[in-house]
Amino acid sequence: MTTKIRIGGEWINLESNVVVSPSGVSGSWRNTNNTHNVFYTSTTSSVMYVSAIFHVKLLSADSGSEVIAGSSAWAYVSTSGETGTNLSNNYTNICRVRDNGTSNADDLYLNARFFVPSNCKYIVKLLDKDLADTLGSRVSTLSWKEFDFELKSSDIIFNSKGSNSNNFSRAAKVSSSQITSTWSQFMKDYAVWYEPGNTGTNPPYSTTYTINITKAGDYTLEYGIDGNGNITFDGTQVASAVGTDASWTNDPPSFVTLSNVSTGTHTLVATVDGSTNWNSNPAGIAWKLKLSGT
């Protein structure tokens, strides 16, 4: 068994590779010396995934006595900021793994897997068939791995498909063989064009996007322009292209860095022309603005 999460329409196996981040997930693994029956506190900035494997020796080599099958591993997580250790107060049992085998087994292996939010305490208890803490030295921790997620906020990535004021829409919604044969994947994904106006038009069209920046820093503006066009940010032109640049073929796209962008409301204006017959010679402008390093 394994733990999977849904990212971008795809199920990602969290434990497929413990050396690097699983495909589609940002974060880092670490192997710990943690063990059962001890309280720990998550210091990650977002959320942490725990995968701990325990060995329970059912038959005692020295006395011949056995532990009847039915042992289990229980994981508990506290509310944020909790400092106490009373499980009945402000703790939730979020994982329960139980052996349903026979009492004839020599050894038992239990894998507790669970998530812990930032600043929460957590503990794993190993209990016998009667849910009593009597297993003692029969339990050993084989491995305890933790993965710290680096969650990305949706408000640090913006693109040309977002809401705007001048009725621009997805250019690719009208069939054109030129899109398939010449446009880069970036243009296919993000290009927009004035609607209505797919055919018989060639004046420059502009649309204004309102962007709410909640995290200050340097931002990367990726762009592609089929035809002639430009992009301004807070009234300053930051990107432009003419038809001969063929920026619509660039993959990865052209880009520019916008330095020291402050928090608050900003405006991005996209202007483009270049199509007298959209079906045979499409025009469009594509852009994506993201916090540098994301």
Protein backbone atom coordinates (compact mmCIF):
# COMPACT_ATOMS: atom_id res chain seq x y z
CA MET A 1 0.00 0.00 0.00
CA THR A 2 1.06 3.58 -0.51
CA THR A 3 -0.15 7.15 -0.07
CA LYS A 4 -1.14 9.15 -3.14
CA ILE A 5 -2.28 12.74 -3.55
CA ARG A 6 -4.00 14.41 -6.50
CA ILE A 7 -1.98 17.08 -8.34
CA GLY A 8 -2.84 18.54 -11.73
CA GLY A 9 -5.29 15.75 -12.53
CA GLU A 10 -2.72 13.05 -11.74
CA TRP A 11 -2.27 10.75 -8.74
CA ILE A 12 1.22 11.20 -7.29
CA ASN A 13 2.88 8.45 -5.25
CA LEU A 14 4.36 10.20 -2.21
CA GLU A 15 6.83 7.45 -1.40
CA SER A 16 8.01 6.48 -4.88
CA ASN A 17 11.40 8.10 -4.27
CA VAL A 18 12.73 9.07 -0.85
CA VAL A 19 15.87 10.71 -2.23
CA VAL A 20 14.17 13.53 -4.12
CA SER A 21 10.69 15.01 -4.07
CA PRO A 22 8.00 12.82 -5.63
CA SER A 23 7.06 13.85 -9.17
CA GLY A 24 4.77 16.87 -9.14
CA VAL A 25 5.44 17.76 -5.49
CA SER A 26 7.80 20.36 -4.04
CA GLY A 27 9.42 19.61 -0.71
CA SER A 28 12.09 17.48 0.92
CA TRP A 29 12.40 14.10 2.66
CA ARG A 30 14.33 13.40 5.84
CA ASN A 31 15.03 10.23 7.78
CA THR A 32 14.63 10.66 11.54
CA ASN A 33 15.44 8.82 14.74
CA ASN A 34 11.88 9.27 15.98
CA THR A 35 10.16 6.40 17.72
CA HIS A 36 6.74 5.43 19.07
CA ASN A 37 5.27 6.68 22.32
CA VAL A 38 7.11 10.03 22.13
CA PHE A 39 5.55 13.45 21.46
CA TYR A 40 7.03 15.56 18.64
CA THR A 41 6.16 19.00 17.27
CA SER A 42 6.00 19.88 13.57
CA THR A 43 8.17 22.88 12.72
CA THR A 44 7.40 22.87 8.99
CA SER A 45 5.96 26.08 7.55
CA SER A 46 3.06 24.30 5.84
CA VAL A 47 2.23 20.60 6.27
CA MET A 48 4.28 17.46 6.88
CA TYR A 49 3.74 13.85 5.84
CA VAL A 50 4.91 11.07 8.17
CA SER A 51 5.55 7.45 7.20
CA ALA A 52 6.71 5.27 10.11
CA ILE A 53 7.25 1.50 10.01
CA PHE A 54 7.25 -0.52 13.25
CA HIS A 55 8.28 -4.10 14.01
CA VAL A 56 6.30 -5.94 16.68
CA LYS A 57 7.78 -9.25 17.88
CA LEU A 58 4.79 -11.43 18.63
CA LEU A 59 6.74 -14.45 19.90
CA SER A 60 9.17 -13.89 22.75
CA ALA A 61 12.40 -15.76 22.15
CA ASP A 62 13.37 -15.85 25.82
CA SER A 63 10.10 -16.92 27.43
CA GLY A 64 8.16 -18.55 24.64
CA SER A 65 5.14 -16.40 25.42
CA GLU A 66 3.28 -14.77 22.58
CA VAL A 67 1.25 -11.65 21.96
CA ILE A 68 -2.09 -12.55 20.45
CA ALA A 69 -2.62 -11.08 16.97
CA GLY A 70 -4.47 -7.79 16.82
CA SER A 71 -1.78 -5.23 17.70
CA SER A 72 -2.23 -1.80 16.16
CA ALA A 73 -0.52 1.56 15.57
CA TRP A 74 -2.46 4.75 16.39
CA ALA A 75 -1.30 8.23 15.33
CA TYR A 76 -2.57 11.34 17.14
CA VAL A 77 -2.21 14.99 16.08
CA SER A 78 -2.96 18.01 18.27
CA THR A 79 -4.54 21.33 17.50
CA SER A 80 -2.12 24.09 16.45
CA GLY A 81 -0.04 25.44 19.31
CA GLU A 82 -0.99 22.69 21.77
CA THR A 83 1.66 22.10 24.47
CA GLY A 84 -0.05 19.45 26.58
CA THR A 85 0.28 15.68 26.26
CA ASN A 86 -3.14 14.46 27.33
CA LEU A 87 -4.52 12.61 24.30
CA SER A 88 -8.13 13.08 25.38
CA ASN A 89 -7.69 16.88 25.28
CA ASN A 90 -7.13 18.58 21.90
CA TYR A 91 -5.73 15.53 20.10
CA THR A 92 -7.35 13.66 17.20
CA ASN A 93 -6.69 10.06 16.19
CA ILE A 94 -5.99 10.46 12.47
CA CYS A 95 -4.39 7.10 11.60
CA ARG A 96 -5.13 3.57 12.78
CA VAL A 97 -3.34 0.49 11.39
CA ARG A 98 -4.37 -2.89 12.84
CA ASP A 99 -3.13 -6.45 12.37
CA ASN A 100 -5.92 -8.83 11.46
CA GLY A 101 -3.68 -11.88 11.02
CA THR A 102 -3.21 -15.00 13.11
CA SER A 103 -1.51 -15.41 16.45
CA ASN A 104 0.96 -17.84 14.89
CA ALA A 105 3.03 -15.13 13.22
CA ASP A 106 6.50 -14.55 14.62
CA ASP A 107 6.67 -10.90 13.57
CA LEU A 108 4.35 -8.07 12.66
CA TYR A 109 5.05 -4.92 10.63
CA LEU A 110 2.82 -1.86 10.85
CA ASN A 111 3.15 1.25 8.66
CA ALA A 112 1.54 4.40 10.08
CA ARG A 113 1.06 7.17 7.50
CA PHE A 114 -0.45 10.57 8.28
CA PHE A 115 -0.24 14.35 7.77
CA VAL A 116 0.69 16.95 10.39
CA PRO A 117 -0.03 20.70 10.00
CA SER A 118 2.48 23.30 11.10
CA ASN A 119 3.00 23.84 14.84
CA CYS A 120 1.05 20.73 15.86
CA LYS A 121 2.24 17.98 18.20
CA TYR A 122 2.03 14.34 17.10
CA ILE A 123 2.66 10.87 18.52
CA VAL A 124 2.28 7.21 17.49
CA LYS A 125 1.11 4.68 20.08
CA LEU A 126 1.57 0.89 19.66
CA LEU A 127 -1.22 -1.04 21.39
CA ASP A 128 -2.03 -4.71 21.93
CA LYS A 129 -5.24 -6.46 20.86
CA ASP A 130 -7.05 -5.04 23.88
CA LEU A 131 -5.85 -1.49 23.03
CA ALA A 132 -3.53 -1.49 26.02
CA ASP A 133 0.00 -0.12 26.05
CA THR A 134 1.66 -3.42 27.03
CA LEU A 135 3.90 -4.26 24.07
CA GLY A 136 6.96 -2.58 25.61
CA SER A 137 10.29 -3.80 24.27
CA ARG A 138 8.58 -5.99 21.69
CA VAL A 139 8.24 -2.87 19.51
CA SER A 140 11.09 -1.34 17.48
CA THR A 141 11.06 1.43 14.87
CA LEU A 142 12.38 0.25 11.52
CA SER A 143 12.09 3.63 9.79
CA TRP A 144 10.51 7.04 10.37
CA LYS A 145 10.50 9.30 7.31
CA GLU A 146 9.02 12.78 7.07
CA PHE A 147 8.29 14.92 4.01
CA ASP A 148 7.94 18.72 4.33
CA PHE A 149 5.64 20.13 1.65
CA GLU A 150 6.49 23.46 0.06
CA LEU A 151 2.97 24.63 -0.72
CA LYS A 152 2.52 27.31 -3.36
CA SER A 153 -0.15 29.94 -3.02
CA SER A 154 -2.43 30.44 -6.00
CA ASP A 155 -2.10 34.21 -5.65
CA ILE A 156 1.58 34.30 -6.64
CA ILE A 157 0.92 33.00 -10.19
CA PHE A 158 -1.19 34.93 -12.72
CA ASN A 159 -1.76 34.47 -16.46
CA SER A 160 -3.53 35.86 -19.51
CA LYS A 161 -6.52 33.56 -19.09
CA GLY A 162 -7.54 35.39 -15.93
CA SER A 163 -10.42 37.83 -15.75
CA ASN A 164 -9.98 41.14 -17.62
CA SER A 165 -11.99 44.16 -18.66
CA ASN A 166 -12.04 44.18 -22.47
CA ASN A 167 -13.56 40.88 -23.52
CA PHE A 168 -10.38 39.03 -24.50
CA SER A 169 -10.84 35.27 -24.71
CA ARG A 170 -8.98 32.09 -25.55
CA ALA A 171 -7.66 32.50 -29.10
CA ALA A 172 -7.46 28.76 -29.63
CA LYS A 173 -11.23 28.31 -29.41
CA VAL A 174 -11.49 28.96 -33.16
CA SER A 175 -9.88 26.36 -35.41
CA SER A 176 -6.74 27.39 -37.24
CA SER A 177 -4.11 25.14 -38.80
CA GLN A 178 -1.49 27.82 -38.05
CA ILE A 179 -1.91 27.26 -34.31
CA THR A 180 -1.02 23.59 -34.66
CA SER A 181 1.87 24.13 -37.01
CA THR A 182 3.56 27.25 -35.64
CA TRP A 183 2.49 28.16 -32.12
CA SER A 184 4.57 27.05 -29.17
CA GLN A 185 2.93 25.06 -26.38
CA PHE A 186 3.05 28.19 -24.21
CA MET A 187 0.98 30.07 -26.81
CA LYS A 188 -1.44 27.15 -27.17
CA ASP A 189 -1.92 27.14 -23.40
CA TYR A 190 -2.23 30.88 -22.72
CA ALA A 191 -2.83 32.92 -25.91
CA VAL A 192 -5.87 35.23 -25.92
CA TRP A 193 -7.39 37.46 -28.58
CA TYR A 194 -10.11 40.07 -28.77
CA GLU A 195 -13.66 38.70 -29.04
CA PRO A 196 -15.60 39.32 -31.21
CA GLY A 197 -13.06 39.98 -33.90
CA ASN A 198 -11.72 36.68 -35.14
CA THR A 199 -11.81 37.67 -38.80
CA GLY A 200 -11.32 40.79 -40.86
CA THR A 201 -9.75 42.91 -38.11
CA ASN A 202 -6.27 44.33 -37.62
CA PRO A 203 -6.33 47.30 -35.22
CA PRO A 204 -4.40 47.02 -31.94
CA TYR A 205 -6.53 45.71 -29.09
CA SER A 206 -5.76 46.22 -25.42
CA THR A 207 -7.04 44.68 -22.25
CA THR A 208 -6.27 45.55 -18.64
CA TYR A 209 -5.74 42.94 -15.94
CA THR A 210 -5.97 43.83 -12.26
CA ILE A 211 -3.46 41.81 -10.20
CA ASN A 212 -3.46 41.60 -6.43
CA ILE A 213 0.06 40.84 -5.18
CA THR A 214 0.08 39.38 -1.67
CA LYS A 215 3.77 38.44 -1.52
CA ALA A 216 6.37 41.08 -2.38
CA GLY A 217 9.49 40.19 -4.34
CA ASP A 218 10.90 39.72 -7.83
CA TYR A 219 8.44 38.34 -10.39
CA THR A 220 9.12 36.62 -13.71
CA LEU A 221 6.94 37.62 -16.67
CA GLU A 222 6.89 34.99 -19.43
CA TYR A 223 5.28 36.03 -22.69
CA GLY A 224 4.63 35.26 -26.34
CA ILE A 225 3.07 37.59 -28.93
CA ASP A 226 1.84 36.59 -32.39
CA GLY A 227 1.67 39.76 -34.36
CA ASN A 228 2.79 43.09 -32.94
CA GLY A 229 2.21 43.83 -29.30
CA ASN A 230 3.47 44.87 -25.92
CA ILE A 231 2.84 44.47 -22.20
CA THR A 232 2.95 47.24 -19.63
CA PHE A 233 3.06 46.85 -15.86
CA ASP A 234 1.82 49.77 -13.78
CA GLY A 235 2.16 52.02 -16.82
CA THR A 236 5.72 51.00 -17.78
CA GLN A 237 6.33 48.90 -20.88
CA VAL A 238 8.10 45.72 -19.80
CA ALA A 239 7.81 43.47 -22.88
CA SER A 240 7.19 43.85 -26.61
CA ALA A 241 7.43 41.99 -29.90
CA VAL A 242 6.89 42.53 -33.61
CA GLY A 243 5.86 39.92 -36.10
CA THR A 244 9.41 39.28 -37.31
CA ASP A 245 10.48 38.31 -33.78
CA ALA A 246 8.38 35.15 -34.02
CA SER A 247 8.14 35.10 -30.24
CA TRP A 248 5.09 32.84 -30.53
CA THR A 249 7.40 29.94 -31.50
CA ASN A 250 9.62 30.18 -28.40
CA ASP A 251 9.34 27.28 -25.97
CA PRO A 252 10.37 28.04 -23.28
CA PRO A 253 8.84 31.48 -23.83
CA SER A 254 10.57 34.85 -23.72
CA PHE A 255 10.75 36.34 -20.24
CA VAL A 256 11.67 39.44 -18.25
CA THR A 257 12.14 39.97 -14.50
CA LEU A 258 10.07 42.57 -12.68
CA SER A 259 12.12 43.54 -9.65
CA ASN A 260 10.86 44.44 -6.17
CA VAL A 261 7.14 44.18 -6.89
CA SER A 262 5.28 45.44 -3.83
CA THR A 263 2.16 43.99 -2.26
CA GLY A 264 -1.14 45.52 -3.32
CA THR A 265 -3.07 46.10 -6.53
CA HIS A 266 -1.19 46.38 -9.84
CA THR A 267 -2.30 46.69 -13.46
CA LEU A 268 -1.00 44.76 -16.46
CA VAL A 269 -2.08 45.92 -19.93
CA ALA A 270 -1.70 43.55 -22.90
CA THR A 271 -1.89 45.03 -26.43
CA VAL A 272 -1.78 43.05 -29.68
CA ASP A 273 -2.67 43.32 -33.39
CA GLY A 274 -1.74 41.44 -36.53
CA SER A 275 -4.70 39.46 -37.85
CA THR A 276 -6.78 40.40 -40.88
CA ASN A 277 -8.08 36.85 -41.19
CA TRP A 278 -7.80 35.02 -37.88
CA ASN A 279 -8.55 31.53 -39.24
CA SER A 280 -5.67 31.58 -41.71
CA ASN A 281 -3.35 33.91 -39.80
CA PRO A 282 -4.19 33.92 -36.07
CA ALA A 283 -2.95 36.53 -33.63
CA GLY A 284 -2.76 36.34 -29.88
CA ILE A 285 -0.88 37.39 -26.76
CA ALA A 286 0.10 35.07 -23.94
CA TRP A 287 1.68 35.83 -20.57
CA LYS A 288 2.28 34.32 -17.17
CA LEU A 289 3.47 36.23 -14.12
CA LYS A 290 4.92 34.28 -11.20
CA LEU A 291 7.02 34.88 -8.13
CA SER A 292 10.63 34.20 -9.17
CA GLY A 293 11.84 30.82 -8.02
CA THR A 294 8.39 29.19 -7.98
